[in-house]
Amino acid sequence: MRKYVILILCGLLFNSCGKFLEEFSQDLAYAESCTDLDEILIGNGYMDQPTFATEASIYGNGYYPYIHVMDDDVVMTIFKKDGTRDVINNLVSFKNFYDWSDQLTINPKTEEEWEDRDWEKMYSHIAYLNVIIAHVKKFTNDSVEIRNRIEGEARFLRGAYYYLLVNLYANPYVKETASTDMGVPLNLTEDIVDEYYKRNSMEECYRVIVEDLKAAAEKLKGVTQPTIYRVNELAARVLLSRVYLYMGEWQLALDECQKALALEGVELMDLNSFPGREGNRNMLDVQNPEIVFTQGYNATTLFYKDISYFMICSFACSEELISLYNQWDDQGVKDLRLNAFFELHGDEQYKVAKVVEKVYDCFVIRSAELYLNKAEAEAMLDKADAKQTIKTLLYNRFEGEIPPVDGLSGKDLVSFIRDERRRELCFEAHRWFDLRRYAVSPKYPEKKSIRHETYDKNGVLEGDYVLKPYGEDPAWVLPIPGYEIVYNQGNLVDNPQRVERELE
């Protein structure tokens, strides 16, 4: 058969106009079949999986680990053992994210400069995916089914990376202003174009995300994947329903949820029979039938465990989060997730214990989210079915009685579903994005400020930093990496400068 020469950019993203675009390394991959493309997809399309937990730091090979410390589910804490005291550990490198500092590029422990690599890594994946999408149709000696599967996986991943980029580096989606609001640069071609890039509109970005995920769902129809580390139609439809929620497209979100529920693989784990850590189990492990797809790495296994015999900087669960699980204790209604998701340490401080090494908290899709997405869409559409949908999840999360939801409607029902989403999906890279989208929701908008108690690099309590509600504080959006601004010579406009935060 004809040999197709495919240019794969190693360490590149769009073209030769930025640091991440410099043509300092190029590999020619001579792909002769879809088997070769499949290898490229596995090796360069999916997220890398760090070998060691320490690689999940901002100086390692993980992906956006800081997302777990910016929201209202977390507090910084100092743990001591045996009365000993030692220097604070490397987790303090996340302090500037926890504090929403205007000095994100400075390590507060070493005062060394840090460069944001998540932008670069995700655009690098996109570059490889563009090549696969452009060339897969040419391998006509392979079956249509194989070509569809590879294209479907590539389209899902490209849509997912743009979803992540636009929610990290741009404001949340607002339909009325999406045509003019700045998103992130879009590149949908495998060609190397000698030009400087600028930010596409939010409308353009979300159009690409939706088109990719819709195409992925269609291409992956009937595909049974051998592992949870390869995407399937169910994962594509769940993520697409999530994206529609972000856009305020409730009916479209509900439509995708209905299609997803008709597929095989939608299962819920009943925590009434879950052995938990007594049975050497974590909620998010490969034995959980709810796991639809996962990729990347775990940050929370590093953040939220007491990993030293000396005093360390660590992170615990906020009292506000834990109180949501105790909300109905006086009514004898027990939320089983408190013991299934967390471990109690020391002075009544809870640390998350949901994940193990083989399910990744930076990117995981599971069946529980499908019910939450469906219930939210139905509640926003004032459909009575919302109550039964959310009760399906609750019956698998509570011992005996479930919280009283039958009397809820309108805003009260939506608030309950939002709280349930927080309880269920905590520390799975949802909460920060959810807080942003709630603030601009076209129905029942909800804004809040966040208060974080903080310690300095020597472990001394400093006080509280406050993130004002969305719209009053620029720190709800990450800055575009400085190297991109420089190399694109001003064509790539940065987000508003963060304020210098004062202790309270």
Protein backbone atom coordinates (compact mmCIF):
# COMPACT_ATOMS: atom_id res chain seq x y z
CA MET A 1 0.00 0.00 0.00
CA ARG A 2 0.96 3.62 -0.34
CA LYS A 3 3.12 4.92 2.48
CA TYR A 4 1.77 8.13 4.02
CA VAL A 5 4.42 10.36 5.52
CA ILE A 6 2.92 12.14 8.49
CA LEU A 7 4.69 15.01 10.14
CA ILE A 8 4.43 14.74 13.90
CA LEU A 9 5.59 17.73 15.86
CA CYS A 10 7.44 16.71 18.99
CA GLY A 11 7.41 19.51 21.54
CA LEU A 12 5.44 21.73 19.15
CA LEU A 13 1.90 22.91 19.14
CA PHE A 14 0.68 25.18 16.38
CA ASN A 15 3.53 26.52 14.32
CA SER A 16 6.95 28.14 14.69
CA CYS A 17 5.87 31.42 16.27
CA GLY A 18 5.91 30.63 19.99
CA LYS A 19 8.19 28.90 22.45
CA PHE A 20 5.90 25.92 22.29
CA LEU A 21 5.87 26.31 18.52
CA GLU A 22 9.60 26.47 17.90
CA GLU A 23 10.81 23.90 15.42
CA PHE A 24 13.49 22.64 17.79
CA SER A 25 12.49 19.01 17.37
CA GLN A 26 10.52 17.22 14.72
CA ASP A 27 9.88 13.54 14.25
CA LEU A 28 8.74 11.96 11.02
CA ALA A 29 6.39 9.09 11.72
CA TYR A 30 5.95 6.85 8.71
CA ALA A 31 2.44 5.53 9.27
CA GLU A 32 1.43 2.69 6.99
CA SER A 33 -1.80 1.62 8.68
CA CYS A 34 -4.31 2.48 11.36
CA THR A 35 -2.18 0.37 13.72
CA ASP A 36 0.53 3.02 13.43
CA LEU A 37 -1.99 5.80 14.01
CA ASP A 38 -3.29 3.92 17.03
CA GLU A 39 0.20 3.90 18.52
CA ILE A 40 0.47 7.66 17.98
CA LEU A 41 -2.95 8.09 19.61
CA ILE A 42 -1.94 6.11 22.68
CA GLY A 43 1.51 7.65 22.99
CA ASN A 44 0.75 11.27 22.14
CA GLY A 45 -3.01 11.79 22.03
CA TYR A 46 -3.97 10.60 25.50
CA MET A 47 -2.59 12.26 28.62
CA ASP A 48 0.72 11.02 29.95
CA GLN A 49 0.63 8.96 33.13
CA PRO A 50 3.38 9.95 35.58
CA THR A 51 5.26 7.04 37.08
CA PHE A 52 5.50 8.46 40.60
CA ALA A 53 3.07 10.51 42.67
CA THR A 54 5.64 13.27 43.13
CA GLU A 55 5.50 13.90 39.39
CA ALA A 56 2.03 15.32 39.97
CA SER A 57 3.53 18.52 41.34
CA ILE A 58 3.56 21.70 39.27
CA TYR A 59 7.22 20.90 38.58
CA GLY A 60 6.45 17.39 37.37
CA ASN A 61 4.56 15.83 34.49
CA GLY A 62 1.03 16.04 35.86
CA TYR A 63 -1.86 18.10 34.53
CA TYR A 64 -3.29 21.21 36.26
CA PRO A 65 -2.86 19.80 39.82
CA TYR A 66 -3.53 23.26 41.25
CA ILE A 67 -7.22 23.01 40.30
CA HIS A 68 -7.74 20.96 43.46
CA VAL A 69 -6.58 23.73 45.82
CA MET A 70 -8.30 26.83 44.40
CA ASP A 71 -11.93 26.10 45.29
CA ASP A 72 -14.00 26.03 48.48
CA ASP A 73 -13.59 22.32 49.22
CA VAL A 74 -10.08 22.66 50.63
CA VAL A 75 -8.11 24.26 53.46
CA MET A 76 -4.36 24.41 53.99
CA THR A 77 -3.24 22.76 57.19
CA ILE A 78 -0.13 21.81 59.15
CA PHE A 79 0.09 18.25 60.39
CA LYS A 80 2.47 17.30 63.21
CA LYS A 81 3.57 13.92 64.50
CA ASP A 82 5.17 13.06 67.83
CA GLY A 83 5.64 16.73 68.61
CA THR A 84 8.40 17.05 66.04
CA ARG A 85 8.77 20.04 63.81
CA ASP A 86 10.54 20.26 60.49
CA VAL A 87 10.70 22.60 57.51
CA ILE A 88 7.58 22.83 55.40
CA ASN A 89 7.53 20.50 52.42
CA ASN A 90 7.19 21.03 48.70
CA LEU A 91 3.41 21.14 48.75
CA VAL A 92 3.74 24.78 49.70
CA SER A 93 4.64 25.33 46.04
CA PHE A 94 0.89 25.33 45.49
CA LYS A 95 0.36 28.14 47.96
CA ASN A 96 0.16 30.85 45.31
CA PHE A 97 -2.70 28.99 43.64
CA TYR A 98 -4.40 28.39 46.96
CA ASP A 99 -4.04 32.12 47.71
CA TRP A 100 -5.06 33.20 44.17
CA SER A 101 -1.85 35.22 44.11
CA ASP A 102 -0.75 37.66 41.44
CA GLN A 103 2.67 35.92 41.63
CA LEU A 104 1.77 32.48 40.28
CA THR A 105 5.12 32.08 38.54
CA ILE A 106 7.15 32.26 41.78
CA ASN A 107 7.59 29.22 44.00
CA PRO A 108 6.80 30.55 47.50
CA LYS A 109 9.23 28.08 49.08
CA THR A 110 12.30 28.46 46.86
CA GLU A 111 11.41 31.77 45.15
CA GLU A 112 12.37 30.08 41.88
CA GLU A 113 10.47 30.94 38.72
CA TRP A 114 7.94 28.45 37.46
CA GLU A 115 6.47 28.16 33.96
CA ASP A 116 2.95 26.94 33.31
CA ARG A 117 3.29 23.78 31.19
CA ASP A 118 -0.36 22.73 31.05
CA TRP A 119 -1.06 25.07 28.12
CA GLU A 120 1.91 23.64 26.26
CA LYS A 121 1.11 20.00 27.04
CA MET A 122 -2.51 20.18 25.96
CA TYR A 123 -1.74 22.00 22.73
CA SER A 124 0.96 19.43 22.07
CA HIS A 125 -1.64 16.67 22.34
CA ILE A 126 -3.89 18.66 20.02
CA ALA A 127 -1.13 18.87 17.40
CA TYR A 128 -0.83 15.09 17.28
CA LEU A 129 -4.60 14.66 17.23
CA ASN A 130 -4.90 17.06 14.29
CA VAL A 131 -2.54 14.81 12.32
CA ILE A 132 -4.52 11.68 13.18
CA ILE A 133 -7.86 13.28 12.29
CA ALA A 134 -6.49 14.58 8.99
CA HIS A 135 -4.98 11.28 7.85
CA VAL A 136 -7.08 8.45 9.26
CA LYS A 137 -9.51 8.44 6.33
CA LYS A 138 -6.65 7.77 3.90
CA PHE A 139 -5.95 4.27 5.22
CA THR A 140 -8.61 2.58 3.14
CA ASN A 141 -7.00 -0.84 3.54
CA ASP A 142 -8.21 -0.77 7.12
CA SER A 143 -11.88 -1.33 7.89
CA VAL A 144 -14.33 1.53 8.27
CA GLU A 145 -14.92 0.41 11.85
CA ILE A 146 -11.25 0.77 12.78
CA ARG A 147 -10.95 4.14 11.07
CA ASN A 148 -14.10 5.39 12.80
CA ARG A 149 -12.84 4.26 16.20
CA ILE A 150 -9.50 6.04 15.84
CA GLU A 151 -11.10 9.21 14.55
CA GLY A 152 -13.72 9.07 17.29
CA GLU A 153 -11.13 8.79 20.02
CA ALA A 154 -9.06 11.61 18.50
CA ARG A 155 -12.09 13.88 18.15
CA PHE A 156 -13.11 13.22 21.76
CA LEU A 157 -9.64 14.05 23.07
CA ARG A 158 -9.30 17.22 21.02
CA GLY A 159 -12.72 18.41 22.21
CA ALA A 160 -11.80 17.53 25.80
CA TYR A 161 -8.52 19.45 25.67
CA TYR A 162 -10.21 22.55 24.29
CA TYR A 163 -12.87 22.21 27.00
CA LEU A 164 -10.11 22.20 29.62
CA LEU A 165 -8.14 25.05 28.04
CA VAL A 166 -11.12 27.33 27.69
CA ASN A 167 -12.25 26.71 31.28
CA LEU A 168 -8.78 27.29 32.73
CA TYR A 169 -7.64 30.25 30.63
CA ALA A 170 -10.88 32.02 29.70
CA ASN A 171 -14.03 33.27 31.38
CA PRO A 172 -17.06 30.97 31.67
CA TYR A 173 -19.40 30.78 28.70
CA VAL A 174 -22.10 33.45 28.42
CA LYS A 175 -24.33 33.02 25.40
CA GLU A 176 -25.15 36.71 24.97
CA THR A 177 -21.49 37.75 24.76
CA ALA A 178 -19.87 34.54 23.48
CA SER A 179 -19.28 35.97 20.00
CA THR A 180 -17.01 38.68 21.43
CA ASP A 181 -15.64 37.13 24.64
CA MET A 182 -12.08 35.84 24.30
CA GLY A 183 -11.58 32.08 24.40
CA VAL A 184 -8.31 30.37 23.51
CA PRO A 185 -6.49 30.00 20.16
CA LEU A 186 -7.92 27.30 17.94
CA ASN A 187 -5.85 25.13 15.66
CA LEU A 188 -7.64 22.42 13.71
CA THR A 189 -5.11 21.60 11.02
CA GLU A 190 -1.98 19.49 10.91
CA ASP A 191 -0.25 22.07 8.71
CA ILE A 192 2.53 24.27 10.07
CA VAL A 193 1.33 27.82 9.48
CA ASP A 194 3.84 30.62 9.77
CA GLU A 195 1.72 33.16 11.59
CA TYR A 196 1.10 34.55 15.05
CA TYR A 197 -1.92 33.27 16.89
CA LYS A 198 -4.65 35.18 18.65
CA ARG A 199 -7.53 34.09 20.82
CA ASN A 200 -10.69 32.87 19.13
CA SER A 201 -14.07 33.82 20.53
CA MET A 202 -15.85 31.71 23.11
CA GLU A 203 -18.54 31.00 20.55
CA GLU A 204 -15.96 29.59 18.13
CA CYS A 205 -14.27 27.54 20.86
CA TYR A 206 -17.46 25.95 22.09
CA ARG A 207 -18.61 25.26 18.56
CA VAL A 208 -15.44 23.23 18.00
CA ILE A 209 -15.82 21.42 21.34
CA VAL A 210 -19.42 20.47 20.59
CA GLU A 211 -18.67 19.42 17.01
CA ASP A 212 -15.75 17.25 18.11
CA LEU A 213 -17.72 15.53 20.87
CA LYS A 214 -20.75 14.96 18.66
CA ALA A 215 -18.53 13.47 15.96
CA ALA A 216 -16.77 11.32 18.56
CA ALA A 217 -20.07 9.93 19.84
CA GLU A 218 -21.17 9.02 16.32
CA LYS A 219 -17.84 7.49 15.30
CA LEU A 220 -17.66 5.42 18.48
CA LYS A 221 -21.11 3.86 18.17
CA GLY A 222 -20.92 0.14 18.78
CA VAL A 223 -17.29 0.28 19.89
CA THR A 224 -16.44 -1.79 22.95
CA GLN A 225 -13.17 -0.66 24.46
CA PRO A 226 -10.92 -3.17 26.23
CA THR A 227 -10.09 -0.78 29.07
CA ILE A 228 -11.32 2.32 30.92
CA TYR A 229 -8.26 4.13 29.56
CA ARG A 230 -9.74 4.23 26.04
CA VAL A 231 -12.72 6.48 25.37
CA ASN A 232 -16.08 5.16 24.16
CA GLU A 233 -19.44 6.56 23.05
CA LEU A 234 -20.77 6.73 26.61
CA ALA A 235 -17.85 8.91 27.73
CA ALA A 236 -18.34 11.21 24.74
CA ARG A 237 -22.04 11.71 25.46
CA VAL A 238 -21.52 12.32 29.18
CA LEU A 239 -18.86 14.96 28.47
CA LEU A 240 -21.03 16.52 25.76
CA SER A 241 -23.94 16.76 28.21
CA ARG A 242 -21.59 18.50 30.64
CA VAL A 243 -20.51 20.99 28.00
CA TYR A 244 -24.15 21.76 27.17
CA LEU A 245 -24.78 22.47 30.86
CA TYR A 246 -21.90 24.94 30.80
CA MET A 247 -23.56 26.62 27.81
CA GLY A 248 -26.97 26.77 29.45
CA GLU A 249 -28.39 24.51 26.73
CA TRP A 250 -30.57 22.46 29.04
CA GLN A 251 -32.61 20.58 26.43
CA LEU A 252 -29.52 19.60 24.45
CA ALA A 253 -27.89 18.40 27.68
CA LEU A 254 -30.96 16.33 28.51
CA ASP A 255 -31.03 14.84 25.01
CA GLU A 256 -27.44 13.64 25.39
CA CYS A 257 -28.16 12.19 28.81
CA GLN A 258 -31.08 10.22 27.40
CA LYS A 259 -28.89 8.83 24.63
CA ALA A 260 -26.20 7.94 27.16
CA LEU A 261 -28.63 6.14 29.48
CA ALA A 262 -29.67 3.92 26.60
CA LEU A 263 -26.10 2.61 26.27
CA GLU A 264 -24.44 -0.28 28.04
CA GLY A 265 -22.08 0.52 30.90
CA VAL A 266 -24.26 2.90 32.93
CA GLU A 267 -24.00 1.47 36.43
CA LEU A 268 -24.11 2.89 39.94
CA MET A 269 -22.27 1.45 42.92
CA ASP A 270 -24.47 0.95 45.96
CA LEU A 271 -22.45 2.27 48.90
CA ASN A 272 -24.62 0.23 51.26
CA SER A 273 -22.59 -2.79 50.17
CA PHE A 274 -19.31 -0.98 49.51
CA PRO A 275 -16.53 -2.48 51.68
CA GLY A 276 -14.53 0.76 51.78
CA ARG A 277 -11.03 0.88 53.18
CA GLU A 278 -11.88 -1.96 55.56
CA GLY A 279 -12.02 -4.06 52.40
CA ASN A 280 -8.91 -2.40 50.98
CA ARG A 281 -11.02 -0.43 48.51
CA ASN A 282 -11.28 3.19 47.40
CA MET A 283 -14.33 4.69 45.76
CA LEU A 284 -12.47 5.50 42.57
CA ASP A 285 -10.65 2.33 41.65
CA VAL A 286 -10.67 0.04 38.65
CA GLN A 287 -13.20 -2.28 40.32
CA ASN A 288 -15.84 0.46 40.45
CA PRO A 289 -18.39 -0.22 37.69
CA GLU A 290 -19.18 3.49 37.54
CA ILE A 291 -15.85 4.35 35.91
CA VAL A 292 -16.49 5.02 32.23
CA PHE A 293 -13.17 6.60 31.27
CA THR A 294 -10.10 8.06 32.95
CA GLN A 295 -6.72 9.42 31.93
CA GLY A 296 -3.84 11.43 33.35
CA TYR A 297 -2.68 11.22 36.98
CA ASN A 298 -3.71 11.77 40.61
CA ALA A 299 -2.89 14.91 42.53
CA THR A 300 -5.07 14.32 45.57
CA THR A 301 -3.10 11.25 46.62
CA LEU A 302 -0.19 13.63 47.13
CA PHE A 303 -2.09 16.64 48.45
CA TYR A 304 -4.36 15.11 51.00
CA LYS A 305 -2.39 12.40 52.73
CA ASP A 306 -0.18 12.70 55.79
CA ILE A 307 3.02 11.69 54.00
CA SER A 308 5.64 12.67 56.56
CA TYR A 309 6.52 11.92 60.16
CA PHE A 310 7.41 15.57 60.50
CA MET A 311 5.38 18.73 60.22
CA ILE A 312 4.32 19.24 56.63
CA CYS A 313 2.22 21.57 54.59
CA SER A 314 -0.84 19.66 53.49
CA PHE A 315 -4.44 20.19 52.50
CA ALA A 316 -7.59 19.01 54.23
CA CYS A 317 -11.28 19.17 53.36
CA SER A 318 -13.10 22.36 54.30
CA GLU A 319 -15.62 22.34 57.11
CA GLU A 320 -18.19 23.65 54.65
CA LEU A 321 -17.78 20.60 52.42
CA ILE A 322 -17.88 18.09 55.28
CA SER A 323 -21.00 19.75 56.73
CA LEU A 324 -22.87 18.84 53.54
CA TYR A 325 -22.50 15.15 54.39
CA ASN A 326 -23.77 15.71 57.95
CA GLN A 327 -26.69 17.84 56.83
CA TRP A 328 -29.43 15.35 57.76
CA ASP A 329 -27.84 13.64 60.76
CA ASP A 330 -30.51 14.98 63.11
CA GLN A 331 -33.13 13.29 60.93
CA GLY A 332 -31.34 9.94 61.03
CA VAL A 333 -30.39 10.19 57.36
CA LYS A 334 -26.82 8.96 56.89
CA ASP A 335 -24.71 9.91 53.88
CA LEU A 336 -22.40 6.95 53.27
CA ARG A 337 -19.97 9.04 51.24
CA LEU A 338 -18.48 10.64 54.34
CA ASN A 339 -16.77 7.37 55.23
CA ALA A 340 -16.36 6.15 51.65
CA PHE A 341 -14.68 9.32 50.35
CA PHE A 342 -12.68 10.57 53.33
CA GLU A 343 -10.41 9.65 56.23
CA LEU A 344 -10.45 11.43 59.57
CA HIS A 345 -7.08 12.76 60.74
CA GLY A 346 -6.16 14.31 64.06
CA ASP A 347 -8.29 17.23 65.17
CA GLU A 348 -11.42 16.31 63.22
CA GLN A 349 -9.80 17.17 59.91
CA TYR A 350 -10.90 15.10 56.97
CA LYS A 351 -8.63 14.20 54.09
CA VAL A 352 -9.92 12.89 50.79
CA ALA A 353 -9.31 9.19 50.13
CA LYS A 354 -11.41 8.59 47.02
CA VAL A 355 -8.76 7.63 44.52
CA VAL A 356 -6.01 5.09 43.97
CA GLU A 357 -3.22 5.09 41.45
CA LYS A 358 -5.11 3.58 38.52
CA VAL A 359 -8.06 6.00 38.35
CA TYR A 360 -7.05 9.59 37.74
CA ASP A 361 -8.61 12.57 39.48
CA CYS A 362 -7.50 15.06 36.84
CA PHE A 363 -9.83 13.48 34.28
CA VAL A 364 -12.42 10.87 35.15
CA ILE A 365 -15.90 10.31 33.74
CA ARG A 366 -18.30 8.06 35.62
CA SER A 367 -21.95 7.14 35.57
CA ALA A 368 -22.83 9.18 38.66
CA GLU A 369 -22.18 12.38 36.72
CA LEU A 370 -24.67 11.30 34.08
CA TYR A 371 -27.49 11.27 36.64
CA LEU A 372 -26.37 14.63 38.02
CA ASN A 373 -26.24 16.18 34.55
CA LYS A 374 -29.66 14.81 33.69
CA ALA A 375 -31.22 15.96 36.95
CA GLU A 376 -29.78 19.47 36.54
CA ALA A 377 -31.02 19.79 32.96
CA GLU A 378 -34.49 18.55 33.95
CA ALA A 379 -34.67 20.90 36.93
CA MET A 380 -33.66 23.86 34.78
CA LEU A 381 -36.44 22.89 32.36
CA ASP A 382 -38.90 22.60 35.30
CA LYS A 383 -39.48 18.93 34.57
CA ALA A 384 -40.85 16.81 37.41
CA ASP A 385 -38.57 13.96 36.33
CA ALA A 386 -35.62 15.76 37.95
CA LYS A 387 -36.60 14.47 41.39
CA GLN A 388 -36.73 10.84 40.36
CA THR A 389 -33.44 11.16 38.48
CA ILE A 390 -31.57 12.54 41.49
CA LYS A 391 -33.28 10.02 43.81
CA THR A 392 -31.83 7.20 41.68
CA LEU A 393 -28.38 8.38 42.72
CA LEU A 394 -29.38 9.08 46.33
CA TYR A 395 -30.68 5.54 46.88
CA ASN A 396 -27.13 4.34 46.19
CA ARG A 397 -25.47 6.89 48.47
CA PHE A 398 -27.54 6.90 51.69
CA GLU A 399 -28.23 4.31 54.34
CA GLY A 400 -31.93 3.62 54.54
CA GLU A 401 -33.79 6.92 54.16
CA ILE A 402 -32.71 9.55 51.65
CA PRO A 403 -32.95 13.35 52.03
CA PRO A 404 -36.42 14.81 51.47
CA VAL A 405 -36.51 16.03 47.87
CA ASP A 406 -40.15 15.46 46.86
CA GLY A 407 -41.19 18.87 48.18
CA LEU A 408 -38.48 20.76 46.34
CA SER A 409 -39.02 22.73 43.15
CA GLY A 410 -37.56 25.62 41.19
CA LYS A 411 -34.48 27.22 42.68
CA ASP A 412 -34.58 25.02 45.79
CA LEU A 413 -34.38 21.86 43.70
CA VAL A 414 -31.57 23.26 41.58
CA SER A 415 -29.65 24.23 44.73
CA PHE A 416 -30.07 20.71 46.10
CA ILE A 417 -28.76 19.20 42.86
CA ARG A 418 -25.79 21.58 42.88
CA ASP A 419 -24.98 20.57 46.45
CA GLU A 420 -25.36 16.93 45.50
CA ARG A 421 -22.97 17.47 42.60
CA ARG A 422 -20.46 18.94 45.06
CA ARG A 423 -20.85 16.00 47.45
CA GLU A 424 -20.54 13.40 44.73
CA LEU A 425 -17.84 14.84 42.45
CA CYS A 426 -15.57 16.56 44.96
CA PHE A 427 -11.84 16.36 44.13
CA GLU A 428 -12.50 15.15 40.58
CA ALA A 429 -11.64 18.48 38.89
CA HIS A 430 -15.26 19.70 38.74
CA ARG A 431 -15.79 22.17 41.55
CA TRP A 432 -13.68 25.11 40.27
CA PHE A 433 -15.37 24.96 36.87
CA ASP A 434 -18.80 24.55 38.46
CA LEU A 435 -18.40 27.63 40.64
CA ARG A 436 -17.50 29.67 37.57
CA ARG A 437 -20.44 28.48 35.49
CA TYR A 438 -22.95 28.89 38.34
CA ALA A 439 -21.92 32.54 38.57
CA VAL A 440 -23.05 33.24 34.99
CA SER A 441 -25.88 30.72 34.75
CA PRO A 442 -28.80 32.12 32.69
CA LYS A 443 -31.13 30.65 35.31
CA TYR A 444 -30.62 30.79 39.07
CA PRO A 445 -27.13 32.40 38.95
CA GLU A 446 -25.14 31.84 42.11
CA LYS A 447 -22.00 33.74 43.06
CA LYS A 448 -19.89 33.26 46.14
CA SER A 449 -16.62 34.36 47.64
CA ILE A 450 -14.05 31.90 49.00
CA ARG A 451 -11.99 32.34 52.16
CA HIS A 452 -8.73 30.41 52.59
CA GLU A 453 -6.73 30.27 55.82
CA THR A 454 -3.06 30.20 54.91
CA TYR A 455 0.41 29.48 56.31
CA ASP A 456 3.70 30.95 55.19
CA LYS A 457 6.66 28.89 53.94
CA ASN A 458 7.84 28.34 57.53
CA GLY A 459 4.54 26.89 58.65
CA VAL A 460 3.40 30.01 60.52
CA LEU A 461 -0.28 30.91 60.34
CA GLU A 462 -0.66 34.12 58.34
CA GLY A 463 -4.39 34.70 58.27
CA ASP A 464 -7.08 34.56 55.60
CA TYR A 465 -7.09 35.42 51.92
CA VAL A 466 -10.40 36.06 50.20
CA LEU A 467 -11.37 35.51 46.59
CA LYS A 468 -14.23 37.87 45.79
CA PRO A 469 -17.21 36.61 43.77
CA TYR A 470 -16.83 36.07 40.04
CA GLY A 471 -17.01 39.38 38.21
CA GLU A 472 -15.36 41.23 41.10
CA ASP A 473 -12.02 39.42 41.06
CA PRO A 474 -9.83 38.51 38.04
CA ALA A 475 -8.34 35.44 39.77
CA TRP A 476 -11.19 33.23 38.58
CA VAL A 477 -9.18 32.88 35.35
CA LEU A 478 -5.57 31.74 34.97
CA PRO A 479 -3.15 34.04 33.15
CA ILE A 480 -1.98 33.03 29.69
CA PRO A 481 1.60 31.71 30.05
CA GLY A 482 4.09 34.56 29.67
CA TYR A 483 6.18 32.78 27.07
CA GLU A 484 3.15 32.68 24.77
CA ILE A 485 2.49 36.38 25.11
CA VAL A 486 6.13 37.17 24.30
CA TYR A 487 6.53 34.85 21.33
CA ASN A 488 3.25 35.89 19.75
CA GLN A 489 4.35 39.54 19.97
CA GLY A 490 1.18 40.88 21.53
CA ASN A 491 -1.26 39.12 19.23
CA LEU A 492 -2.21 36.81 22.07
CA VAL A 493 -3.97 39.04 24.61
CA ASP A 494 -3.56 38.10 28.26
CA ASN A 495 -6.32 37.98 30.85
CA PRO A 496 -6.70 40.92 33.25
CA GLN A 497 -3.90 41.28 35.79
CA ARG A 498 -4.58 39.70 39.16
CA VAL A 499 -4.76 41.94 42.19
CA GLU A 500 -2.22 41.88 45.01
CA ARG A 501 -4.19 40.17 47.72
CA GLU A 502 -4.16 41.38 51.33
CA LEU A 503 -4.52 39.24 54.44
CA GLU A 504 -7.65 39.58 56.51
